[in-house]
Protein backbone atom coordinates (compact mmCIF):
# COMPACT_ATOMS: atom_id res chain seq x y z
CA MET A 1 -12.22 12.18 4.22
CA VAL A 2 -12.15 8.72 2.65
CA ALA A 3 -9.06 6.51 2.27
CA LEU A 4 -9.08 4.28 -0.81
CA VAL A 5 -7.12 1.06 -0.26
CA ARG A 6 -6.71 -1.98 -2.45
CA SER A 7 -7.35 -4.74 0.05
CA LYS A 8 -8.69 -5.45 3.53
CA ASN A 9 -5.42 -7.31 4.10
CA SER A 10 -3.33 -4.18 3.55
CA LEU A 11 -0.93 -3.48 6.43
CA ASN A 12 -2.07 0.15 6.41
CA VAL A 13 -5.75 -0.61 7.11
CA ASN A 14 -5.36 -0.92 10.90
CA ASN A 15 -3.45 2.35 11.02
CA LEU A 16 -6.17 4.08 9.00
CA LYS A 17 -8.85 2.73 11.34
CA LYS A 18 -7.10 4.45 14.25
CA LEU A 19 -7.60 7.77 12.46
CA LYS A 20 -11.37 7.15 12.41
CA ILE A 21 -11.78 8.07 8.75
CA GLY A 22 -13.79 6.35 6.05
CA ILE A 23 -12.17 3.40 4.28
CA LYS A 24 -13.19 2.14 0.84
CA TYR A 25 -11.78 -1.11 -0.56
CA ILE A 26 -11.24 -0.73 -4.30
CA GLY A 27 -9.39 -3.88 -5.33
CA ASN A 28 -6.80 -3.98 -8.12
CA LEU A 29 -6.62 -0.50 -9.60
CA SER A 30 -4.88 -1.75 -12.72
CA LYS A 31 -8.02 -3.70 -13.69
CA GLU A 32 -10.97 -2.13 -11.91
CA ILE A 33 -12.45 1.34 -12.24
CA ILE A 34 -13.80 3.14 -9.19
CA PRO A 35 -17.38 4.33 -9.83
CA SER A 36 -16.88 8.02 -10.61
CA LYS A 37 -20.39 8.98 -9.37
CA GLU A 38 -19.37 8.01 -5.86
CA TYR A 39 -16.53 10.51 -5.74
CA HIS A 40 -17.48 13.25 -8.19
CA LYS A 41 -17.98 15.74 -5.32
CA ALA A 42 -14.47 15.22 -3.94
CA LYS A 43 -12.40 18.40 -3.66
CA TYR A 44 -8.99 16.81 -3.25
CA LEU A 45 -7.27 13.62 -4.35
CA ILE A 46 -4.00 12.72 -2.64
CA HIS A 47 -2.60 10.04 -4.91
CA LEU A 48 -0.06 7.77 -3.17
CA ALA A 49 -0.82 4.51 -5.01
CA ALA A 50 2.12 2.71 -6.61
CA SER A 51 3.86 -0.64 -6.92
CA ALA A 52 7.43 0.14 -6.00
CA HIS A 53 8.48 -3.51 -5.82
CA VAL A 54 6.78 -4.77 -8.93
CA LYS A 55 9.77 -6.98 -9.82
CA GLU A 56 9.00 -9.32 -6.98
CA LYS A 57 5.26 -9.33 -7.63
CA MET A 58 5.21 -9.94 -11.37
CA LYS A 59 7.22 -12.24 -13.59
CA GLU A 60 5.87 -11.12 -16.97
CA ASP A 61 7.93 -9.24 -19.51
CA LYS A 62 8.82 -5.58 -19.01
CA LYS A 63 6.09 -4.31 -21.32
CA LYS A 64 3.36 -5.97 -19.25
CA LYS A 65 4.86 -4.65 -16.03
CA LEU A 66 4.86 -1.14 -17.41
CA GLU A 67 1.26 -1.50 -18.60
CA TYR A 68 0.27 -2.68 -15.12
CA LEU A 69 1.68 0.46 -13.50
CA ILE A 70 0.30 2.84 -16.13
CA ASN A 71 -3.20 1.33 -15.93
CA ILE A 72 -3.35 2.40 -12.29
CA GLU A 73 -3.00 6.02 -13.37
CA LYS A 74 -5.43 5.72 -16.28
CA ASN A 75 -8.12 4.16 -14.12
CA LEU A 76 -7.75 6.86 -11.48
CA ALA A 77 -8.09 9.53 -14.15
CA LYS A 78 -11.28 7.89 -15.45
CA SER A 79 -12.71 7.46 -11.97
CA PHE A 80 -12.13 11.02 -10.78
CA SER A 81 -13.38 12.94 -13.78
CA ASN A 82 -14.27 16.09 -11.84
CA PRO A 83 -12.51 18.95 -13.69
CA HIS A 84 -12.33 21.01 -10.48
CA LEU A 85 -10.62 18.27 -8.47
CA LYS A 86 -7.29 19.29 -6.93
CA VAL A 87 -4.69 16.53 -7.11
CA ILE A 88 -1.53 15.98 -5.08
CA HIS A 89 0.42 13.25 -6.84
CA LEU A 90 3.40 11.47 -5.30
CA SER A 91 5.97 10.63 -7.95
CA SER A 92 9.72 9.96 -7.70
CA ALA A 93 12.73 12.26 -7.79
CA LYS A 94 14.43 9.77 -10.08
CA THR A 95 12.15 10.83 -12.91
CA VAL A 96 14.78 13.55 -13.47
CA PHE A 97 16.95 10.75 -14.92
CA LEU A 98 14.57 10.48 -17.87
CA GLU A 99 14.82 14.21 -18.47
CA ASP A 100 18.62 13.99 -18.69
CA LYS A 101 19.92 12.11 -21.73
CA TYR A 102 23.13 11.26 -19.88
CA LYS A 103 21.31 9.58 -17.00
CA ARG A 104 18.46 7.79 -18.78
CA LYS A 105 20.18 4.41 -18.46
CA GLU A 106 19.91 4.74 -14.65
CA ALA A 107 16.10 4.83 -14.79
CA ASN A 108 14.41 1.52 -13.98
CA LEU A 109 10.91 0.36 -14.83
CA TYR A 110 9.37 1.96 -11.75
CA VAL A 111 10.86 5.36 -12.63
CA LYS A 112 9.65 5.13 -16.24
CA ALA A 113 6.15 4.33 -14.99
CA LYS A 114 6.27 7.28 -12.59
CA LEU A 115 7.11 9.73 -15.37
CA LYS A 116 4.33 8.36 -17.54
CA SER A 117 1.94 8.67 -14.61
CA GLU A 118 2.96 12.32 -14.19
CA ASN A 119 2.04 12.94 -17.82
CA ILE A 120 -1.36 11.26 -17.33
CA ILE A 121 -2.04 13.50 -14.32
CA LYS A 122 -1.04 16.59 -16.33
CA LYS A 123 -3.26 15.59 -19.23
CA ASN A 124 -6.38 14.74 -17.22
CA PHE A 125 -6.44 17.25 -14.37
CA LYS A 126 -6.41 21.04 -14.41
CA ASN A 127 -5.22 21.56 -10.83
CA TYR A 128 -2.36 19.46 -9.54
CA ILE A 129 0.91 19.43 -7.66
CA ILE A 130 3.40 16.67 -8.35
CA LEU A 131 5.87 15.89 -5.56
CA ARG A 132 9.13 14.16 -6.46
CA PRO A 133 10.74 12.70 -3.31
CA PRO A 134 13.89 10.57 -3.01
CA LEU A 135 13.83 7.39 -0.89
CA ILE A 136 11.18 7.79 1.83
CA TYR A 137 11.97 6.26 5.22
CA GLY A 138 10.13 6.00 8.50
CA PRO A 139 7.98 3.49 10.40
CA ARG A 140 6.93 0.56 8.15
CA VAL A 141 9.76 1.26 5.72
CA LYS A 142 10.50 -1.65 3.37
CA ALA A 143 13.08 -2.98 0.92
CA ASN A 144 16.74 -1.88 1.06
CA PHE A 145 16.39 0.55 3.98
CA LEU A 146 14.72 -2.13 6.11
CA ASN A 147 17.32 -4.71 5.08
CA LEU A 148 20.09 -2.32 6.11
CA MET A 149 18.45 -1.85 9.51
CA LYS A 150 18.18 -5.63 9.94
CA ALA A 151 21.86 -6.09 9.07
CA ILE A 152 22.98 -3.43 11.54
CA ASP A 153 20.68 -4.78 14.25
CA ALA A 154 22.14 -8.26 13.72
CA GLY A 155 25.64 -6.87 14.20
CA LEU A 156 26.81 -7.76 10.71
CA PRO A 157 30.03 -6.09 9.53
CA LEU A 158 29.34 -3.85 6.53
CA PRO A 159 32.05 -3.03 3.93
CA PHE A 160 30.88 0.53 3.26
CA GLY A 161 33.59 2.52 5.03
CA SER A 162 35.32 3.65 1.83
CA ILE A 163 32.15 4.87 0.14
CA ASN A 164 32.25 8.65 -0.22
CA ASN A 165 28.88 9.60 -1.65
CA GLN A 166 26.05 12.04 -0.98
CA ARG A 167 22.37 11.13 -1.00
CA SER A 168 19.10 12.85 -0.14
CA TYR A 169 16.30 11.14 1.78
CA LEU A 170 12.84 12.12 3.02
CA TYR A 171 11.39 11.22 6.41
CA VAL A 172 7.74 10.19 6.07
CA GLU A 173 6.45 12.69 8.66
CA ASN A 174 8.13 15.50 6.73
CA LEU A 175 6.26 14.32 3.63
CA ILE A 176 2.96 14.29 5.55
CA ASP A 177 3.62 17.80 6.84
CA ALA A 178 4.41 19.03 3.31
CA ILE A 179 1.11 17.65 2.01
CA ASP A 180 -0.69 19.24 4.97
CA VAL A 181 0.88 22.62 4.16
CA ILE A 182 -0.23 22.34 0.52
CA LEU A 183 -3.82 21.67 1.61
CA LYS A 184 -3.87 24.46 4.18
CA LYS A 185 -2.45 27.05 1.80
CA ASN A 186 -4.71 25.78 -1.00
CA LYS A 187 -2.07 26.66 -3.58
CA ILE A 188 -2.57 23.71 -5.89
CA LYS A 189 -1.54 24.78 -9.35
CA ARG A 190 0.09 23.02 -12.26
CA LYS A 191 3.54 22.58 -10.79
CA THR A 192 6.15 19.89 -10.06
CA TYR A 193 8.42 20.03 -7.02
CA LEU A 194 11.40 18.13 -5.68
CA ILE A 195 11.05 17.53 -1.94
CA SER A 196 13.44 16.08 0.64
CA ASP A 197 14.95 16.42 4.08
CA ASN A 198 17.43 19.30 4.32
CA GLU A 199 20.35 17.03 5.21
CA ILE A 200 22.46 15.09 2.73
CA MET A 201 24.13 11.93 4.01
CA SER A 202 26.74 9.48 2.81
CA THR A 203 26.05 5.76 3.15
CA PRO A 204 28.55 5.44 6.07
CA GLN A 205 26.81 8.37 7.81
CA LEU A 206 23.44 6.70 7.32
CA CYS A 207 24.78 3.47 8.81
CA LEU A 208 26.19 5.35 11.80
CA GLU A 209 22.85 7.10 12.42
CA ILE A 210 20.99 3.79 12.26
CA SER A 211 23.53 2.16 14.60
CA LYS A 212 23.03 5.00 17.07
CA GLY A 213 19.24 4.70 16.82
CA LEU A 214 19.36 0.94 17.41
CA PHE A 215 21.93 1.28 20.23
CA LYS A 216 24.31 -0.93 18.30
CA LYS A 217 28.05 -0.60 17.84
CA SER A 218 28.89 0.46 14.31
CA ARG A 219 30.64 -2.34 12.41
CA ILE A 220 31.52 -0.55 9.20
CA PHE A 221 34.90 -1.48 7.77
CA HIS A 222 36.94 -0.22 4.84
CA ILE A 223 37.53 -2.17 1.65
CA ARG A 224 38.86 -1.00 -1.70
CA ASN A 225 36.06 0.14 -3.98
CA SER A 226 37.34 -2.14 -6.74
CA LEU A 227 36.91 -5.17 -4.45
CA LEU A 228 33.47 -3.96 -3.39
CA LYS A 229 32.40 -3.68 -7.04
CA PHE A 230 33.80 -7.14 -7.77
CA PHE A 231 31.89 -8.68 -4.86
CA PHE A 232 28.54 -7.15 -5.86
CA LYS A 233 29.12 -8.14 -9.48
CA LEU A 234 29.87 -11.68 -8.34
CA ILE A 235 26.53 -11.95 -6.54
CA GLY A 236 24.66 -10.25 -9.38
CA LYS A 237 23.77 -7.11 -7.40
CA ASN A 238 25.34 -4.30 -9.44
CA ASP A 239 22.10 -2.30 -9.26
CA LEU A 240 22.12 -2.53 -5.44
CA LEU A 241 25.71 -1.26 -5.28
CA ASP A 242 24.70 1.72 -7.43
CA LYS A 243 22.01 2.58 -4.87
CA ILE A 244 24.42 2.15 -1.96
CA SER A 245 27.44 3.98 -3.38
CA GLY A 246 25.98 6.41 -5.93
CA ASN A 247 25.24 10.10 -5.48
CA PHE A 248 21.68 11.42 -5.55
CA ILE A 249 21.13 14.95 -4.28
CA ILE A 250 17.74 16.67 -4.20
CA LYS A 251 17.25 20.42 -3.89
CA ASN A 252 13.94 21.32 -2.23
CA ASP A 253 14.52 25.11 -2.34
CA GLU A 254 11.63 25.89 -4.70
CA PHE A 255 9.03 24.04 -2.61
CA CYS A 256 10.35 25.59 0.63
CA LYS A 257 10.13 29.06 -0.90
CA ASP A 258 6.67 28.70 -2.49
CA PHE A 259 5.07 27.22 0.64
CA SER A 260 7.23 28.83 3.36
CA TRP A 261 8.04 25.28 4.44
CA LYS A 262 10.89 23.57 6.19
CA PRO A 263 11.06 19.95 7.40
CA ASN A 264 9.86 19.50 10.98
CA PHE A 265 12.34 16.69 11.61
CA ASN A 266 16.03 16.57 10.83
CA ALA A 267 17.49 13.33 9.50
CA SER A 268 18.88 12.24 12.88
CA LYS A 269 15.47 12.55 14.54
CA GLY A 270 13.73 10.83 11.62
CA ILE A 271 16.11 7.88 11.75
CA GLU A 272 15.78 7.74 15.55
CA LYS A 273 11.97 7.49 15.26
CA THR A 274 12.31 4.87 12.51
CA CYS A 275 14.63 2.81 14.71
CA PHE A 276 12.19 3.11 17.63
CA TRP A 277 9.48 1.58 15.42
CA PHE A 278 11.86 -1.14 14.24
CA LYS A 279 12.73 -2.22 17.79
CA ARG A 280 9.03 -2.42 18.76
CA LYS A 281 7.66 -4.25 15.72
């Protein structure tokens, strides 16, 4: 087993070293091509590479950002040209927005790139499984989930009490177990699956679970939704409010049936383990 990482400075490198597996530094995948001769005997490719927070990293126009993300997929396809290679590709559940004409406006640049990457995988590989997860949380989580944990840990009051939504999440160890099950059953065929934890949570429920995991008193308060929308609009964060208050439910029934799988960890345990990491970091 060989892990391909972009940089020696990657935060994941030290964790990979603990696993005592091979590590290959491949640089910027959007510009460089991995020598295909070096990996042409590989049986499996587990493709987790992405740039989820490309907005902060790049200031070019949207077209260039999209090209940057798509080039990652094209270069991987060129590098691993083995027709017998079995690919497990991690995409995003939000690609379903682009398949629904009524929800296309909700798809951001990252989601558009993910759908295009799915199509590149389908075109270039005979044997693949595409996994479409919702937000993945767990140790080393970033972005909005981490910011929410920081706010709760700091004891900040949060005006989310009136939000009545339902959202799916996926704990990272459940994702790892799902990939492990795919490899063990060796049932990699041309198929796309939604995958998630079994539980669906509202934003207030999520905050309460995090508060419990951090041993903090919950400081959620109620505010009229109209005022909440006005506040987020005032600070230019409408897209963030959509993520906090919107509904996004994933059904993982098909994957569970095909692979006789169920998540090892429920949401409460996953959040508890994530909070344990947060307090120690």
